[in-house]
C-alpha atoms as a PDB file:
ATOM      1  CA  UNK A   1       9.494  64.411 190.074  1.00  0.00           C
ATOM      2  CA  UNK A   2       7.009  66.776 190.929  1.00  0.00           C
ATOM      3  CA  UNK A   3       4.549  66.846 193.578  1.00  0.00           C
ATOM      4  CA  UNK A   4       0.590  67.196 192.588  1.00  0.00           C
ATOM      5  CA  UNK A   5      -2.551  66.836 194.714  1.00  0.00           C
ATOM      6  CA  UNK A   6      -4.561  63.995 194.435  1.00  0.00           C
ATOM      7  CA  UNK A   7      -8.432  65.121 195.582  1.00  0.00           C
ATOM      8  CA  UNK A   8      -9.638  61.638 195.982  1.00  0.00           C
ATOM      9  CA  UNK A   9      -6.649  61.204 198.520  1.00  0.00           C
ATOM     10  CA  UNK A  10      -6.663  64.432 199.641  1.00  0.00           C
ATOM     11  CA  UNK A  11      -2.915  64.293 199.805  1.00  0.00           C
ATOM     12  CA  UNK A  12       0.239  65.468 197.590  1.00  0.00           C
ATOM     13  CA  UNK A  13       2.079  62.799 196.106  1.00  0.00           C
ATOM     14  CA  UNK A  14       4.930  62.720 193.687  1.00  0.00           C
ATOM     15  CA  UNK A  15       4.822  61.950 190.454  1.00  0.00           C
ATOM     16  CA  UNK A  16       4.512  63.316 186.802  1.00  0.00           C
ATOM     17  CA  UNK A  17       1.999  65.496 185.559  1.00  0.00           C
ATOM     18  CA  UNK A  18       0.397  65.282 182.078  1.00  0.00           C
ATOM     19  CA  UNK A  19      -0.946  68.209 180.153  1.00  0.00           C
ATOM     20  CA  UNK A  20      -4.271  68.324 178.979  1.00  0.00           C
ATOM     21  CA  UNK A  21      -4.857  67.472 175.477  1.00  0.00           C
ATOM     22  CA  UNK A  22      -6.339  70.144 173.720  1.00  0.00           C
ATOM     23  CA  UNK A  23      -6.620  69.046 170.298  1.00  0.00           C
ATOM     24  CA  UNK A  24      -9.964  67.608 170.193  1.00  0.00           C
ATOM     25  CA  UNK A  25     -11.174  70.878 171.556  1.00  0.00           C
ATOM     26  CA  UNK A  26      -9.386  73.042 168.906  1.00  0.00           C
ATOM     27  CA  UNK A  27     -10.639  70.571 166.123  1.00  0.00           C
ATOM     28  CA  UNK A  28     -14.215  70.785 167.455  1.00  0.00           C
ATOM     29  CA  UNK A  29     -14.131  74.376 167.391  1.00  0.00           C
ATOM     30  CA  UNK A  30     -12.635  74.940 164.025  1.00  0.00           C
ATOM     31  CA  UNK A  31     -15.417  72.566 162.492  1.00  0.00           C
ATOM     32  CA  UNK A  32     -18.043  74.981 164.039  1.00  0.00           C
ATOM     33  CA  UNK A  33     -16.668  77.956 162.945  1.00  0.00           C
ATOM     34  CA  UNK A  34     -16.558  76.542 159.375  1.00  0.00           C
ATOM     35  CA  UNK A  35     -20.322  75.508 159.604  1.00  0.00           C
ATOM     36  CA  UNK A  36     -21.258  79.046 160.759  1.00  0.00           C
ATOM     37  CA  UNK A  37     -19.242  80.465 158.039  1.00  0.00           C
ATOM     38  CA  UNK A  38     -21.234  78.402 155.474  1.00  0.00           C
ATOM     39  CA  UNK A  39     -24.401  78.654 157.225  1.00  0.00           C
ATOM     40  CA  UNK A  40     -24.501  82.280 157.543  1.00  0.00           C
ATOM     41  CA  UNK A  41     -25.002  83.566 153.861  1.00  0.00           C
ATOM     42  CA  UNK A  42     -27.625  80.879 153.255  1.00  0.00           C
ATOM     43  CA  UNK A  43     -29.371  82.359 156.132  1.00  0.00           C
ATOM     44  CA  UNK A  44     -29.451  85.601 154.461  1.00  0.00           C
ATOM     45  CA  UNK A  45     -30.239  83.981 151.187  1.00  0.00           C
ATOM     46  CA  UNK A  46     -33.582  82.360 152.467  1.00  0.00           C
ATOM     47  CA  UNK A  47     -34.636  85.798 153.522  1.00  0.00           C
ATOM     48  CA  UNK A  48     -34.858  86.955 149.850  1.00  0.00           C
ATOM     49  CA  UNK A  49     -38.333  87.134 148.837  1.00  0.00           C
ATOM     50  CA  UNK A  50     -39.356  86.132 145.193  1.00  0.00           C
ATOM     51  CA  UNK A  51     -42.630  86.948 143.575  1.00  0.00           C
ATOM     52  CA  UNK A  52     -43.580  84.080 141.416  1.00  0.00           C
ATOM     53  CA  UNK A  53     -45.241  84.533 137.790  1.00  0.00           C
ATOM     54  CA  UNK A  54     -48.473  83.173 138.984  1.00  0.00           C
ATOM     55  CA  UNK A  55     -48.927  85.504 141.574  1.00  0.00           C
ATOM     56  CA  UNK A  56     -47.500  88.451 139.938  1.00  0.00           C
ATOM     57  CA  UNK A  57     -49.245  87.550 136.168  1.00  0.00           C
ATOM     58  CA  UNK A  58     -52.922  87.949 137.778  1.00  0.00           C
ATOM     59  CA  UNK A  59     -52.451  91.675 139.227  1.00  0.00           C
ATOM     60  CA  UNK A  60     -50.157  92.811 136.334  1.00  0.00           C
ATOM     61  CA  UNK A  61     -52.154  95.111 133.846  1.00  0.00           C
ATOM     62  CA  UNK A  62     -52.915  93.525 130.579  1.00  0.00           C
ATOM     63  CA  UNK A  63     -51.190  95.277 127.802  1.00  0.00           C
ATOM     64  CA  UNK A  64     -52.366  95.175 124.228  1.00  0.00           C
ATOM     65  CA  UNK A  65     -50.648  93.004 121.701  1.00  0.00           C
ATOM     66  CA  UNK A  66     -47.162  94.864 121.450  1.00  0.00           C
ATOM     67  CA  UNK A  67     -45.099  93.813 118.250  1.00  0.00           C
ATOM     68  CA  UNK A  68     -41.800  92.887 118.676  1.00  0.00           C
ATOM     69  CA  UNK A  69     -38.992  92.512 116.171  1.00  0.00           C
ATOM     70  CA  UNK A  70     -37.031  89.134 115.900  1.00  0.00           C
ATOM     71  CA  UNK A  71     -34.057  89.116 114.386  1.00  0.00           C
ATOM     72  CA  UNK A  72     -32.276  85.584 113.603  1.00  0.00           C
ATOM     73  CA  UNK A  73     -28.711  85.176 112.471  1.00  0.00           C
ATOM     74  CA  UNK A  74     -28.637  81.898 110.487  1.00  0.00           C
ATOM     75  CA  UNK A  75     -25.021  82.220 109.044  1.00  0.00           C
ATOM     76  CA  UNK A  76     -22.166  84.647 108.585  1.00  0.00           C
ATOM     77  CA  UNK A  77     -23.998  86.547 106.254  1.00  0.00           C
ATOM     78  CA  UNK A  78     -27.689  85.213 106.379  1.00  0.00           C
ATOM     79  CA  UNK A  79     -30.276  86.930 108.719  1.00  0.00           C
ATOM     80  CA  UNK A  80     -33.954  86.779 109.390  1.00  0.00           C
ATOM     81  CA  UNK A  81     -35.960  89.657 110.298  1.00  0.00           C
ATOM     82  CA  UNK A  82     -39.415  88.678 111.169  1.00  0.00           C
ATOM     83  CA  UNK A  83     -39.267  85.357 109.490  1.00  0.00           C
ATOM     84  CA  UNK A  84     -38.154  87.231 106.331  1.00  0.00           C
ATOM     85  CA  UNK A  85     -34.423  86.073 105.322  1.00  0.00           C
ATOM     86  CA  UNK A  86     -32.352  89.130 104.298  1.00  0.00           C
ATOM     87  CA  UNK A  87     -28.552  89.287 104.403  1.00  0.00           C
ATOM     88  CA  UNK A  88     -26.674  90.881 107.063  1.00  0.00           C
ATOM     89  CA  UNK A  89     -25.021  93.979 104.923  1.00  0.00           C
ATOM     90  CA  UNK A  90     -28.917  94.472 104.309  1.00  0.00           C
ATOM     91  CA  UNK A  91     -29.928  94.408 107.883  1.00  0.00           C
ATOM     92  CA  UNK A  92     -30.419  98.111 108.480  1.00  0.00           C
ATOM     93  CA  UNK A  93     -32.555  98.485 105.932  1.00  0.00           C
ATOM     94  CA  UNK A  94     -34.520  95.819 106.530  1.00  0.00           C
ATOM     95  CA  UNK A  95     -35.025  97.069 109.901  1.00  0.00           C
ATOM     96  CA  UNK A  96     -35.724 100.808 109.194  1.00  0.00           C
ATOM     97  CA  UNK A  97     -39.512 100.195 108.055  1.00  0.00           C
ATOM     98  CA  UNK A  98     -40.244  98.245 111.272  1.00  0.00           C
ATOM     99  CA  UNK A  99     -38.805 100.565 113.591  1.00  0.00           C
ATOM    100  CA  UNK A 100     -40.737 103.595 111.919  1.00  0.00           C
ATOM    101  CA  UNK A 101     -43.925 101.985 112.176  1.00  0.00           C
ATOM    102  CA  UNK A 102     -43.359 100.864 115.991  1.00  0.00           C
ATOM    103  CA  UNK A 103     -40.315 102.958 117.448  1.00  0.00           C
ATOM    104  CA  UNK A 104     -41.092 101.245 120.909  1.00  0.00           C
ATOM    105  CA  UNK A 105     -40.885  97.918 119.842  1.00  0.00           C
ATOM    106  CA  UNK A 106     -38.161  95.905 121.421  1.00  0.00           C
ATOM    107  CA  UNK A 107     -35.758  93.858 119.049  1.00  0.00           C
ATOM    108  CA  UNK A 108     -35.051  90.464 120.303  1.00  0.00           C
ATOM    109  CA  UNK A 109     -31.771  88.866 118.736  1.00  0.00           C
ATOM    110  CA  UNK A 110     -30.550  85.381 118.593  1.00  0.00           C
ATOM    111  CA  UNK A 111     -28.043  83.287 116.574  1.00  0.00           C
ATOM    112  CA  UNK A 112     -27.395  79.958 115.531  1.00  0.00           C
ATOM    113  CA  UNK A 113     -24.492  77.857 117.170  1.00  0.00           C
ATOM    114  CA  UNK A 114     -22.332  78.263 113.985  1.00  0.00           C
ATOM    115  CA  UNK A 115     -22.516  82.135 113.497  1.00  0.00           C
ATOM    116  CA  UNK A 116     -18.928  83.856 114.994  1.00  0.00           C
ATOM    117  CA  UNK A 117     -18.918  86.567 117.666  1.00  0.00           C
ATOM    118  CA  UNK A 118     -17.988  88.821 115.268  1.00  0.00           C
ATOM    119  CA  UNK A 119     -20.885  88.332 112.929  1.00  0.00           C
ATOM    120  CA  UNK A 120     -23.093  88.888 116.088  1.00  0.00           C
ATOM    121  CA  UNK A 121     -21.350  92.014 117.068  1.00  0.00           C
ATOM    122  CA  UNK A 122     -21.595  93.506 113.516  1.00  0.00           C
ATOM    123  CA  UNK A 123     -25.437  92.168 113.625  1.00  0.00           C
ATOM    124  CA  UNK A 124     -25.714  94.301 117.161  1.00  0.00           C
ATOM    125  CA  UNK A 125     -24.094  97.124 115.280  1.00  0.00           C
ATOM    126  CA  UNK A 126     -26.372  97.595 112.465  1.00  0.00           C
ATOM    127  CA  UNK A 127     -29.375  97.284 114.721  1.00  0.00           C
ATOM    128  CA  UNK A 128     -28.114 100.020 116.592  1.00  0.00           C
ATOM    129  CA  UNK A 129     -27.511 102.038 113.566  1.00  0.00           C
ATOM    130  CA  UNK A 130     -30.893 101.380 112.339  1.00  0.00           C
ATOM    131  CA  UNK A 131     -32.264 103.233 115.758  1.00  0.00           C
ATOM    132  CA  UNK A 132     -33.124 100.771 117.963  1.00  0.00           C
ATOM    133  CA  UNK A 133     -33.885 101.804 121.361  1.00  0.00           C
ATOM    134  CA  UNK A 134     -34.242  98.537 123.409  1.00  0.00           C
ATOM    135  CA  UNK A 135     -32.295  94.942 122.102  1.00  0.00           C
ATOM    136  CA  UNK A 136     -32.804  91.819 123.909  1.00  0.00           C
ATOM    137  CA  UNK A 137     -30.487  88.996 123.505  1.00  0.00           C
ATOM    138  CA  UNK A 138     -32.157  85.414 123.501  1.00  0.00           C
ATOM    139  CA  UNK A 139     -30.300  82.315 124.318  1.00  0.00           C
ATOM    140  CA  UNK A 140     -31.269  78.715 124.549  1.00  0.00           C
ATOM    141  CA  UNK A 141     -31.757  76.565 127.807  1.00  0.00           C
ATOM    142  CA  UNK A 142     -29.656  73.496 127.683  1.00  0.00           C
END
């Protein structure tokens, strides 16, 4: 048996010494580390400033009504250009007169759910071949 010092009695006594249990201290430390790891990105994210549409809309310069060209893929071979129906093969010829009138007009493309990826890529290629500078792809909010 080992001798250890008893502070209450002020003397050395024989007995067993028990080590200090560090498990709760380690558990608490690890929980704090995890909380800090999760909270740090949130602190940086909250410091990003965003401008709301209401505040920027008041100060923006008002542009005239700009024409935009809408291309809507209805099926694998049917396309609407500004609500006039045509075929996918004739898409380039339907777009050229519109682009010649307003070369800076953006083209907004959208497609129905049953249109395949290949048909959409073909429509994009035809639109680029017609000389379009800016193409926007519009989707639905679900």
